[in-house]
Amino acid sequence: MDPTTITSLTPFGAAGLIAFLWLTERRASAERERQLTEAHERLVRQRSELSLLVGVVRENTRALTALEAALRTRSAASSARSVESRMTPKQSVEDPASAA
């Protein structure tokens, strides 16, 4: 406590000291309340932002999953065509169907 404050409170005695302490506590309490309110508002904003971010990540994951499925389907179809083209028997001259 500042010595000047103490000397200015001495004429008021114990009641002045109690009033000073009460006022000091109220100021500190108001400051804590302000800090808590700001922190709460910041948390609410961050929660909203995180919710949006999670939504974007979900949509991106859904899009990438669909893309992967399409690529797998295309790759499987391409592989099937490749296997079919290798497995088709070549017709020879002795084959009756080729003679017609």
PDB file of N, CA and C in Angstrom:
ATOM      1  N   MET A   1       0.845  -1.169   0.000  1.00  0.00           N
ATOM      2  CA  MET A   1       0.000   0.000   0.000  1.00  0.00           C
ATOM      3  C   MET A   1       0.895   1.240   0.000  1.00  0.00           C
ATOM      4  N   ASP A   2       0.498   2.217  -0.734  1.00  0.00           N
ATOM      5  CA  ASP A   2       1.252   3.464  -0.872  1.00  0.00           C
ATOM      6  C   ASP A   2       1.185   4.274   0.430  1.00  0.00           C
ATOM      7  N   PRO A   3       2.324   4.792   0.917  1.00  0.00           N
ATOM      8  CA  PRO A   3       2.304   5.578   2.172  1.00  0.00           C
ATOM      9  C   PRO A   3       1.403   6.803   2.097  1.00  0.00           C
ATOM     10  N   THR A   4       1.272   7.415   0.937  1.00  0.00           N
ATOM     11  CA  THR A   4       0.399   8.583   0.781  1.00  0.00           C
ATOM     12  C   THR A   4      -1.057   8.185   1.006  1.00  0.00           C
ATOM     13  N   THR A   5      -1.425   7.028   0.528  1.00  0.00           N
ATOM     14  CA  THR A   5      -2.794   6.537   0.707  1.00  0.00           C
ATOM     15  C   THR A   5      -3.065   6.295   2.175  1.00  0.00           C
ATOM     16  N   ILE A   6      -2.088   5.728   2.860  1.00  0.00           N
ATOM     17  CA  ILE A   6      -2.270   5.436   4.285  1.00  0.00           C
ATOM     18  C   ILE A   6      -2.462   6.729   5.066  1.00  0.00           C
ATOM     19  N   THR A   7      -1.645   7.735   4.778  1.00  0.00           N
ATOM     20  CA  THR A   7      -1.780   9.003   5.507  1.00  0.00           C
ATOM     21  C   THR A   7      -3.086   9.709   5.175  1.00  0.00           C
ATOM     22  N   SER A   8      -3.582   9.529   3.950  1.00  0.00           N
ATOM     23  CA  SER A   8      -4.858  10.171   3.624  1.00  0.00           C
ATOM     24  C   SER A   8      -6.033   9.430   4.254  1.00  0.00           C
ATOM     25  N   LEU A   9      -5.844   8.155   4.596  1.00  0.00           N
ATOM     26  CA  LEU A   9      -6.910   7.377   5.227  1.00  0.00           C
ATOM     27  C   LEU A   9      -6.918   7.505   6.755  1.00  0.00           C
ATOM     28  N   THR A  10      -5.827   7.940   7.344  1.00  0.00           N
ATOM     29  CA  THR A  10      -5.741   7.988   8.805  1.00  0.00           C
ATOM     30  C   THR A  10      -6.808   8.871   9.453  1.00  0.00           C
ATOM     31  N   PRO A  11      -7.218   9.960   8.838  1.00  0.00           N
ATOM     32  CA  PRO A  11      -8.281  10.737   9.492  1.00  0.00           C
ATOM     33  C   PRO A  11      -9.604   9.986   9.552  1.00  0.00           C
ATOM     34  N   PHE A  12      -9.795   9.022   8.675  1.00  0.00           N
ATOM     35  CA  PHE A  12     -11.053   8.272   8.657  1.00  0.00           C
ATOM     36  C   PHE A  12     -11.024   7.049   9.560  1.00  0.00           C
ATOM     37  N   GLY A  13      -9.860   6.707  10.059  1.00  0.00           N
ATOM     38  CA  GLY A  13      -9.724   5.596  10.999  1.00  0.00           C
ATOM     39  C   GLY A  13      -9.985   4.245  10.344  1.00  0.00           C
ATOM     40  N   ALA A  14     -10.474   3.329  11.147  1.00  0.00           N
ATOM     41  CA  ALA A  14     -10.713   1.958  10.689  1.00  0.00           C
ATOM     42  C   ALA A  14     -11.782   1.925   9.606  1.00  0.00           C
ATOM     43  N   ALA A  15     -12.797   2.789   9.744  1.00  0.00           N
ATOM     44  CA  ALA A  15     -13.867   2.810   8.744  1.00  0.00           C
ATOM     45  C   ALA A  15     -13.325   3.215   7.381  1.00  0.00           C
ATOM     46  N   GLY A  16     -12.404   4.164   7.357  1.00  0.00           N
ATOM     47  CA  GLY A  16     -11.784   4.595   6.096  1.00  0.00           C
ATOM     48  C   GLY A  16     -10.973   3.475   5.469  1.00  0.00           C
ATOM     49  N   LEU A  17     -10.228   2.742   6.326  1.00  0.00           N
ATOM     50  CA  LEU A  17      -9.430   1.629   5.829  1.00  0.00           C
ATOM     51  C   LEU A  17     -10.320   0.528   5.257  1.00  0.00           C
ATOM     52  N   ILE A  18     -11.394   0.225   5.968  1.00  0.00           N
ATOM     53  CA  ILE A  18     -12.331  -0.805   5.501  1.00  0.00           C
ATOM     54  C   ILE A  18     -12.972  -0.377   4.184  1.00  0.00           C
ATOM     55  N   ALA A  19     -13.353   0.902   4.087  1.00  0.00           N
ATOM     56  CA  ALA A  19     -13.961   1.402   2.852  1.00  0.00           C
ATOM     57  C   ALA A  19     -12.970   1.335   1.697  1.00  0.00           C
ATOM     58  N   PHE A  20     -11.712   1.712   1.974  1.00  0.00           N
ATOM     59  CA  PHE A  20     -10.676   1.645   0.940  1.00  0.00           C
ATOM     60  C   PHE A  20     -10.477   0.210   0.466  1.00  0.00           C
ATOM     61  N   LEU A  21     -10.378  -0.719   1.416  1.00  0.00           N
ATOM     62  CA  LEU A  21     -10.202  -2.120   1.049  1.00  0.00           C
ATOM     63  C   LEU A  21     -11.397  -2.643   0.259  1.00  0.00           C
ATOM     64  N   TRP A  22     -12.589  -2.224   0.654  1.00  0.00           N
ATOM     65  CA  TRP A  22     -13.790  -2.670  -0.053  1.00  0.00           C
ATOM     66  C   TRP A  22     -13.787  -2.141  -1.494  1.00  0.00           C
ATOM     67  N   LEU A  23     -13.448  -0.863  -1.658  1.00  0.00           N
ATOM     68  CA  LEU A  23     -13.396  -0.277  -2.996  1.00  0.00           C
ATOM     69  C   LEU A  23     -12.329  -0.952  -3.865  1.00  0.00           C
ATOM     70  N   THR A  24     -11.179  -1.212  -3.248  1.00  0.00           N
ATOM     71  CA  THR A  24     -10.101  -1.885  -3.985  1.00  0.00           C
ATOM     72  C   THR A  24     -10.542  -3.268  -4.434  1.00  0.00           C
ATOM     73  N   GLU A  25     -11.218  -3.995  -3.547  1.00  0.00           N
ATOM     74  CA  GLU A  25     -11.702  -5.334  -3.895  1.00  0.00           C
ATOM     75  C   GLU A  25     -12.749  -5.249  -5.001  1.00  0.00           C
ATOM     76  N   ARG A  26     -13.634  -4.279  -4.965  1.00  0.00           N
ATOM     77  CA  ARG A  26     -14.671  -4.119  -5.995  1.00  0.00           C
ATOM     78  C   ARG A  26     -14.037  -3.822  -7.354  1.00  0.00           C
ATOM     79  N   ARG A  27     -13.013  -2.980  -7.379  1.00  0.00           N
ATOM     80  CA  ARG A  27     -12.317  -2.679  -8.643  1.00  0.00           C
ATOM     81  C   ARG A  27     -11.664  -3.947  -9.205  1.00  0.00           C
ATOM     82  N   ALA A  28     -10.994  -4.671  -8.329  1.00  0.00           N
ATOM     83  CA  ALA A  28     -10.331  -5.903  -8.775  1.00  0.00           C
ATOM     84  C   ALA A  28     -11.365  -6.922  -9.254  1.00  0.00           C
ATOM     85  N   SER A  29     -12.481  -6.989  -8.549  1.00  0.00           N
ATOM     86  CA  SER A  29     -13.548  -7.916  -8.930  1.00  0.00           C
ATOM     87  C   SER A  29     -14.139  -7.529 -10.287  1.00  0.00           C
ATOM     88  N   ALA A  30     -14.352  -6.241 -10.503  1.00  0.00           N
ATOM     89  CA  ALA A  30     -14.886  -5.774 -11.789  1.00  0.00           C
ATOM     90  C   ALA A  30     -13.912  -6.089 -12.919  1.00  0.00           C
ATOM     91  N   GLU A  31     -12.626  -5.940 -12.661  1.00  0.00           N
ATOM     92  CA  GLU A  31     -11.610  -6.261 -13.671  1.00  0.00           C
ATOM     93  C   GLU A  31     -11.608  -7.757 -13.979  1.00  0.00           C
ATOM     94  N   ARG A  32     -11.682  -8.588 -12.959  1.00  0.00           N
ATOM     95  CA  ARG A  32     -11.754 -10.038 -13.178  1.00  0.00           C
ATOM     96  C   ARG A  32     -13.000 -10.412 -13.968  1.00  0.00           C
ATOM     97  N   GLU A  33     -14.115  -9.782 -13.633  1.00  0.00           N
ATOM     98  CA  GLU A  33     -15.373 -10.048 -14.346  1.00  0.00           C
ATOM     99  C   GLU A  33     -15.251  -9.669 -15.824  1.00  0.00           C
ATOM    100  N   ARG A  34     -14.625  -8.524 -16.091  1.00  0.00           N
ATOM    101  CA  ARG A  34     -14.403  -8.094 -17.476  1.00  0.00           C
ATOM    102  C   ARG A  34     -13.529  -9.095 -18.220  1.00  0.00           C
ATOM    103  N   GLN A  35     -12.454  -9.549 -17.566  1.00  0.00           N
ATOM    104  CA  GLN A  35     -11.566 -10.528 -18.195  1.00  0.00           C
ATOM    105  C   GLN A  35     -12.292 -11.841 -18.474  1.00  0.00           C
ATOM    106  N   LEU A  36     -13.119 -12.281 -17.525  1.00  0.00           N
ATOM    107  CA  LEU A  36     -13.889 -13.514 -17.719  1.00  0.00           C
ATOM    108  C   LEU A  36     -14.886 -13.369 -18.874  1.00  0.00           C
ATOM    109  N   THR A  37     -15.531 -12.218 -18.953  1.00  0.00           N
ATOM    110  CA  THR A  37     -16.487 -11.975 -20.034  1.00  0.00           C
ATOM    111  C   THR A  37     -15.782 -11.996 -21.385  1.00  0.00           C
ATOM    112  N   GLU A  38     -14.636 -11.336 -21.476  1.00  0.00           N
ATOM    113  CA  GLU A  38     -13.861 -11.335 -22.724  1.00  0.00           C
ATOM    114  C   GLU A  38     -13.423 -12.748 -23.095  1.00  0.00           C
ATOM    115  N   ALA A  39     -12.953 -13.505 -22.114  1.00  0.00           N
ATOM    116  CA  ALA A  39     -12.514 -14.880 -22.385  1.00  0.00           C
ATOM    117  C   ALA A  39     -13.685 -15.735 -22.854  1.00  0.00           C
ATOM    118  N   HIS A  40     -14.847 -15.550 -22.232  1.00  0.00           N
ATOM    119  CA  HIS A  40     -16.026 -16.310 -22.640  1.00  0.00           C
ATOM    120  C   HIS A  40     -16.434 -15.964 -24.074  1.00  0.00           C
ATOM    121  N   GLU A  41     -16.443 -14.681 -24.406  1.00  0.00           N
ATOM    122  CA  GLU A  41     -16.793 -14.258 -25.761  1.00  0.00           C
ATOM    123  C   GLU A  41     -15.801 -14.829 -26.776  1.00  0.00           C
ATOM    124  N   ARG A  42     -14.526 -14.822 -26.426  1.00  0.00           N
ATOM    125  CA  ARG A  42     -13.494 -15.362 -27.313  1.00  0.00           C
ATOM    126  C   ARG A  42     -13.700 -16.864 -27.526  1.00  0.00           C
ATOM    127  N   LEU A  43     -14.035 -17.575 -26.455  1.00  0.00           N
ATOM    128  CA  LEU A  43     -14.293 -19.017 -26.569  1.00  0.00           C
ATOM    129  C   LEU A  43     -15.520 -19.316 -27.421  1.00  0.00           C
ATOM    130  N   VAL A  44     -16.555 -18.507 -27.283  1.00  0.00           N
ATOM    131  CA  VAL A  44     -17.762 -18.707 -28.096  1.00  0.00           C
ATOM    132  C   VAL A  44     -17.437 -18.479 -29.568  1.00  0.00           C
ATOM    133  N   ARG A  45     -16.658 -17.426 -29.876  1.00  0.00           N
ATOM    134  CA  ARG A  45     -16.251 -17.170 -31.263  1.00  0.00           C
ATOM    135  C   ARG A  45     -15.418 -18.317 -31.800  1.00  0.00           C
ATOM    136  N   GLN A  46     -14.456 -18.792 -31.006  1.00  0.00           N
ATOM    137  CA  GLN A  46     -13.593 -19.888 -31.450  1.00  0.00           C
ATOM    138  C   GLN A  46     -14.393 -21.156 -31.667  1.00  0.00           C
ATOM    139  N   ARG A  47     -15.383 -21.386 -30.832  1.00  0.00           N
ATOM    140  CA  ARG A  47     -16.219 -22.578 -30.990  1.00  0.00           C
ATOM    141  C   ARG A  47     -16.961 -22.524 -32.324  1.00  0.00           C
ATOM    142  N   SER A  48     -17.477 -21.349 -32.648  1.00  0.00           N
ATOM    143  CA  SER A  48     -18.178 -21.163 -33.915  1.00  0.00           C
ATOM    144  C   SER A  48     -17.218 -21.369 -35.088  1.00  0.00           C
ATOM    145  N   GLU A  49     -16.025 -20.804 -34.986  1.00  0.00           N
ATOM    146  CA  GLU A  49     -15.037 -20.949 -36.053  1.00  0.00           C
ATOM    147  C   GLU A  49     -14.603 -22.404 -36.199  1.00  0.00           C
ATOM    148  N   LEU A  50     -14.402 -23.085 -35.079  1.00  0.00           N
ATOM    149  CA  LEU A  50     -14.018 -24.492 -35.146  1.00  0.00           C
ATOM    150  C   LEU A  50     -15.121 -25.346 -35.743  1.00  0.00           C
ATOM    151  N   SER A  51     -16.359 -24.999 -35.446  1.00  0.00           N
ATOM    152  CA  SER A  51     -17.484 -25.724 -36.018  1.00  0.00           C
ATOM    153  C   SER A  51     -17.482 -25.588 -37.538  1.00  0.00           C
ATOM    154  N   LEU A  52     -17.238 -24.379 -38.030  1.00  0.00           N
ATOM    155  CA  LEU A  52     -17.148 -24.165 -39.472  1.00  0.00           C
ATOM    156  C   LEU A  52     -15.983 -24.941 -40.072  1.00  0.00           C
ATOM    157  N   LEU A  53     -14.857 -24.925 -39.396  1.00  0.00           N
ATOM    158  CA  LEU A  53     -13.675 -25.637 -39.877  1.00  0.00           C
ATOM    159  C   LEU A  53     -13.923 -27.138 -39.951  1.00  0.00           C
ATOM    160  N   VAL A  54     -14.564 -27.692 -38.936  1.00  0.00           N
ATOM    161  CA  VAL A  54     -14.878 -29.126 -38.943  1.00  0.00           C
ATOM    162  C   VAL A  54     -15.817 -29.448 -40.098  1.00  0.00           C
ATOM    163  N   GLY A  55     -16.773 -28.574 -40.371  1.00  0.00           N
ATOM    164  CA  GLY A  55     -17.679 -28.775 -41.506  1.00  0.00           C
ATOM    165  C   GLY A  55     -16.930 -28.802 -42.826  1.00  0.00           C
ATOM    166  N   VAL A  56     -15.981 -27.893 -42.988  1.00  0.00           N
ATOM    167  CA  VAL A  56     -15.181 -27.854 -44.216  1.00  0.00           C
ATOM    168  C   VAL A  56     -14.349 -29.128 -44.352  1.00  0.00           C
ATOM    169  N   VAL A  57     -13.745 -29.570 -43.258  1.00  0.00           N
ATOM    170  CA  VAL A  57     -12.938 -30.792 -43.297  1.00  0.00           C
ATOM    171  C   VAL A  57     -13.815 -31.991 -43.656  1.00  0.00           C
ATOM    172  N   ARG A  58     -15.020 -32.059 -43.100  1.00  0.00           N
ATOM    173  CA  ARG A  58     -15.932 -33.164 -43.436  1.00  0.00           C
ATOM    174  C   ARG A  58     -16.280 -33.156 -44.913  1.00  0.00           C
ATOM    175  N   GLU A  59     -16.591 -31.975 -45.451  1.00  0.00           N
ATOM    176  CA  GLU A  59     -16.941 -31.882 -46.870  1.00  0.00           C
ATOM    177  C   GLU A  59     -15.745 -32.263 -47.753  1.00  0.00           C
ATOM    178  N   ASN A  60     -14.559 -31.825 -47.385  1.00  0.00           N
ATOM    179  CA  ASN A  60     -13.365 -32.185 -48.152  1.00  0.00           C
ATOM    180  C   ASN A  60     -13.121 -33.689 -48.095  1.00  0.00           C
ATOM    181  N   THR A  61     -13.310 -34.277 -46.929  1.00  0.00           N
ATOM    182  CA  THR A  61     -13.135 -35.719 -46.794  1.00  0.00           C
ATOM    183  C   THR A  61     -14.148 -36.461 -47.656  1.00  0.00           C
ATOM    184  N   ARG A  62     -15.382 -35.988 -47.643  1.00  0.00           N
ATOM    185  CA  ARG A  62     -16.431 -36.611 -48.460  1.00  0.00           C
ATOM    186  C   ARG A  62     -16.061 -36.522 -49.951  1.00  0.00           C
ATOM    187  N   ALA A  63     -15.567 -35.361 -50.384  1.00  0.00           N
ATOM    188  CA  ALA A  63     -15.184 -35.172 -51.784  1.00  0.00           C
ATOM    189  C   ALA A  63     -13.999 -36.071 -52.155  1.00  0.00           C
ATOM    190  N   LEU A  64     -13.005 -36.143 -51.279  1.00  0.00           N
ATOM    191  CA  LEU A  64     -11.843 -36.992 -51.559  1.00  0.00           C
ATOM    192  C   LEU A  64     -12.226 -38.467 -51.591  1.00  0.00           C
ATOM    193  N   THR A  65     -13.146 -38.874 -50.734  1.00  0.00           N
ATOM    194  CA  THR A  65     -13.610 -40.261 -50.729  1.00  0.00           C
ATOM    195  C   THR A  65     -14.335 -40.579 -52.031  1.00  0.00           C
ATOM    196  N   ALA A  66     -15.167 -39.662 -52.493  1.00  0.00           N
ATOM    197  CA  ALA A  66     -15.879 -39.865 -53.759  1.00  0.00           C
ATOM    198  C   ALA A  66     -14.889 -39.924 -54.919  1.00  0.00           C
ATOM    199  N   LEU A  67     -13.882 -39.049 -54.897  1.00  0.00           N
ATOM    200  CA  LEU A  67     -12.867 -39.059 -55.946  1.00  0.00           C
ATOM    201  C   LEU A  67     -12.092 -40.372 -55.938  1.00  0.00           C
ATOM    202  N   GLU A  68     -11.717 -40.838 -54.769  1.00  0.00           N
ATOM    203  CA  GLU A  68     -10.991 -42.106 -54.668  1.00  0.00           C
ATOM    204  C   GLU A  68     -11.849 -43.259 -55.192  1.00  0.00           C
ATOM    205  N   ALA A  69     -13.115 -43.280 -54.839  1.00  0.00           N
ATOM    206  CA  ALA A  69     -14.001 -44.340 -55.311  1.00  0.00           C
ATOM    207  C   ALA A  69     -14.123 -44.297 -56.826  1.00  0.00           C
ATOM    208  N   ALA A  70     -14.236 -43.107 -57.398  1.00  0.00           N
ATOM    209  CA  ALA A  70     -14.319 -42.989 -58.860  1.00  0.00           C
ATOM    210  C   ALA A  70     -13.037 -43.461 -59.519  1.00  0.00           C
ATOM    211  N   LEU A  71     -11.904 -43.096 -58.956  1.00  0.00           N
ATOM    212  CA  LEU A  71     -10.621 -43.525 -59.526  1.00  0.00           C
ATOM    213  C   LEU A  71     -10.453 -45.040 -59.421  1.00  0.00           C
ATOM    214  N   ARG A  72     -10.880 -45.616 -58.306  1.00  0.00           N
ATOM    215  CA  ARG A  72     -10.793 -47.073 -58.161  1.00  0.00           C
ATOM    216  C   ARG A  72     -11.697 -47.772 -59.177  1.00  0.00           C
ATOM    217  N   THR A  73     -12.900 -47.237 -59.359  1.00  0.00           N
ATOM    218  CA  THR A  73     -13.826 -47.823 -60.334  1.00  0.00           C
ATOM    219  C   THR A  73     -13.239 -47.731 -61.741  1.00  0.00           C
ATOM    220  N   ARG A  74     -12.697 -46.585 -62.081  1.00  0.00           N
ATOM    221  CA  ARG A  74     -12.099 -46.402 -63.411  1.00  0.00           C
ATOM    222  C   ARG A  74     -10.897 -47.321 -63.593  1.00  0.00           C
ATOM    223  N   SER A  75     -10.090 -47.424 -62.561  1.00  0.00           N
ATOM    224  CA  SER A  75      -8.914 -48.297 -62.632  1.00  0.00           C
ATOM    225  C   SER A  75      -9.334 -49.753 -62.780  1.00  0.00           C
ATOM    226  N   ALA A  76     -10.364 -50.163 -62.041  1.00  0.00           N
ATOM    227  CA  ALA A  76     -10.845 -51.542 -62.140  1.00  0.00           C
ATOM    228  C   ALA A  76     -11.412 -51.818 -63.528  1.00  0.00           C
ATOM    229  N   ALA A  77     -12.157 -50.858 -64.083  1.00  0.00           N
ATOM    230  CA  ALA A  77     -12.710 -51.035 -65.435  1.00  0.00           C
ATOM    231  C   ALA A  77     -11.599 -51.104 -66.465  1.00  0.00           C
ATOM    232  N   SER A  78     -10.601 -50.278 -66.308  1.00  0.00           N
ATOM    233  CA  SER A  78      -9.470 -50.285 -67.238  1.00  0.00           C
ATOM    234  C   SER A  78      -8.712 -51.602 -67.150  1.00  0.00           C
ATOM    235  N   SER A  79      -8.521 -52.089 -65.933  1.00  0.00           N
ATOM    236  CA  SER A  79      -7.832 -53.374 -65.751  1.00  0.00           C
ATOM    237  C   SER A  79      -8.650 -54.507 -66.353  1.00  0.00           C
ATOM    238  N   ALA A  80      -9.976 -54.468 -66.180  1.00  0.00           N
ATOM    239  CA  ALA A  80     -10.843 -55.513 -66.729  1.00  0.00           C
ATOM    240  C   ALA A  80     -10.769 -55.507 -68.247  1.00  0.00           C
ATOM    241  N   ARG A  81     -10.776 -54.340 -68.869  1.00  0.00           N
ATOM    242  CA  ARG A  81     -10.667 -54.265 -70.334  1.00  0.00           C
ATOM    243  C   ARG A  81      -9.326 -54.792 -70.807  1.00  0.00           C
ATOM    244  N   SER A  82      -8.290 -54.489 -70.070  1.00  0.00           N
ATOM    245  CA  SER A  82      -6.958 -54.948 -70.431  1.00  0.00           C
ATOM    246  C   SER A  82      -6.885 -56.469 -70.360  1.00  0.00           C
ATOM    247  N   VAL A  83      -7.465 -57.052 -69.318  1.00  0.00           N
ATOM    248  CA  VAL A  83      -7.462 -58.508 -69.159  1.00  0.00           C
ATOM    249  C   VAL A  83      -8.299 -59.142 -70.260  1.00  0.00           C
ATOM    250  N   GLU A  84      -9.456 -58.559 -70.582  1.00  0.00           N
ATOM    251  CA  GLU A  84     -10.315 -59.094 -71.637  1.00  0.00           C
ATOM    252  C   GLU A  84      -9.609 -59.088 -72.980  1.00  0.00           C
ATOM    253  N   SER A  85      -8.887 -58.026 -73.268  1.00  0.00           N
ATOM    254  CA  SER A  85      -8.215 -57.947 -74.566  1.00  0.00           C
ATOM    255  C   SER A  85      -7.094 -58.972 -74.667  1.00  0.00           C
ATOM    256  N   ARG A  86      -6.471 -59.326 -73.580  1.00  0.00           N
ATOM    257  CA  ARG A  86      -5.417 -60.337 -73.598  1.00  0.00           C
ATOM    258  C   ARG A  86      -6.001 -61.742 -73.655  1.00  0.00           C
ATOM    259  N   MET A  87      -7.206 -61.923 -73.137  1.00  0.00           N
ATOM    260  CA  MET A  87      -7.781 -63.259 -73.061  1.00  0.00           C
ATOM    261  C   MET A  87      -8.608 -63.622 -74.293  1.00  0.00           C
ATOM    262  N   THR A  88      -8.920 -62.709 -75.187  1.00  0.00           N
ATOM    263  CA  THR A  88      -9.696 -63.009 -76.382  1.00  0.00           C
ATOM    264  C   THR A  88      -8.857 -63.902 -77.287  1.00  0.00           C
ATOM    265  N   PRO A  89      -9.386 -65.102 -77.621  1.00  0.00           N
ATOM    266  CA  PRO A  89      -8.581 -66.008 -78.462  1.00  0.00           C
ATOM    267  C   PRO A  89      -8.470 -65.461 -79.879  1.00  0.00           C
ATOM    268  N   LYS A  90      -7.303 -65.638 -80.444  1.00  0.00           N
ATOM    269  CA  LYS A  90      -7.082 -65.198 -81.822  1.00  0.00           C
ATOM    270  C   LYS A  90      -7.642 -66.280 -82.747  1.00  0.00           C
ATOM    271  N   GLN A  91      -8.376 -65.844 -83.697  1.00  0.00           N
ATOM    272  CA  GLN A  91      -8.976 -66.810 -84.616  1.00  0.00           C
ATOM    273  C   GLN A  91      -7.932 -67.215 -85.655  1.00  0.00           C
ATOM    274  N   SER A  92      -7.886 -68.502 -85.893  1.00  0.00           N
ATOM    275  CA  SER A  92      -6.930 -69.011 -86.879  1.00  0.00           C
ATOM    276  C   SER A  92      -7.650 -69.290 -88.184  1.00  0.00           C
ATOM    277  N   VAL A  93      -6.904 -69.652 -89.188  1.00  0.00           N
ATOM    278  CA  VAL A  93      -7.461 -69.914 -90.500  1.00  0.00           C
ATOM    279  C   VAL A  93      -8.303 -71.195 -90.457  1.00  0.00           C
ATOM    280  N   GLU A  94      -7.958 -72.178 -89.601  1.00  0.00           N
ATOM    281  CA  GLU A  94      -8.702 -73.406 -89.504  1.00  0.00           C
ATOM    282  C   GLU A  94     -10.054 -73.219 -88.833  1.00  0.00           C
ATOM    283  N   ASP A  95     -10.281 -72.126 -88.170  1.00  0.00           N
ATOM    284  CA  ASP A  95     -11.528 -71.885 -87.457  1.00  0.00           C
ATOM    285  C   ASP A  95     -12.670 -71.756 -88.457  1.00  0.00           C
ATOM    286  N   PRO A  96     -13.738 -72.585 -88.323  1.00  0.00           N
ATOM    287  CA  PRO A  96     -14.823 -72.539 -89.291  1.00  0.00           C
ATOM    288  C   PRO A  96     -15.522 -71.188 -89.319  1.00  0.00           C
ATOM    289  N   ALA A  97     -15.552 -70.496 -88.219  1.00  0.00           N
ATOM    290  CA  ALA A  97     -16.233 -69.208 -88.215  1.00  0.00           C
ATOM    291  C   ALA A  97     -15.496 -68.201 -89.049  1.00  0.00           C
ATOM    292  N   SER A  98     -14.203 -68.301 -89.134  1.00  0.00           N
ATOM    293  CA  SER A  98     -13.441 -67.350 -89.898  1.00  0.00           C
ATOM    294  C   SER A  98     -13.512 -67.656 -91.385  1.00  0.00           C
ATOM    295  N   ALA A  99     -13.848 -68.884 -91.734  1.00  0.00           N
ATOM    296  CA  ALA A  99     -13.935 -69.273 -93.142  1.00  0.00           C
ATOM    297  C   ALA A  99     -15.186 -68.690 -93.780  1.00  0.00           C
ATOM    298  N   ALA A 100     -16.190 -68.403 -93.033  1.00  0.00           N
ATOM    299  CA  ALA A 100     -17.439 -67.923 -93.610  1.00  0.00           C
ATOM    300  C   ALA A 100     -17.422 -66.512 -94.026  1.00  0.00           C
TER     301      ALA A 100
END
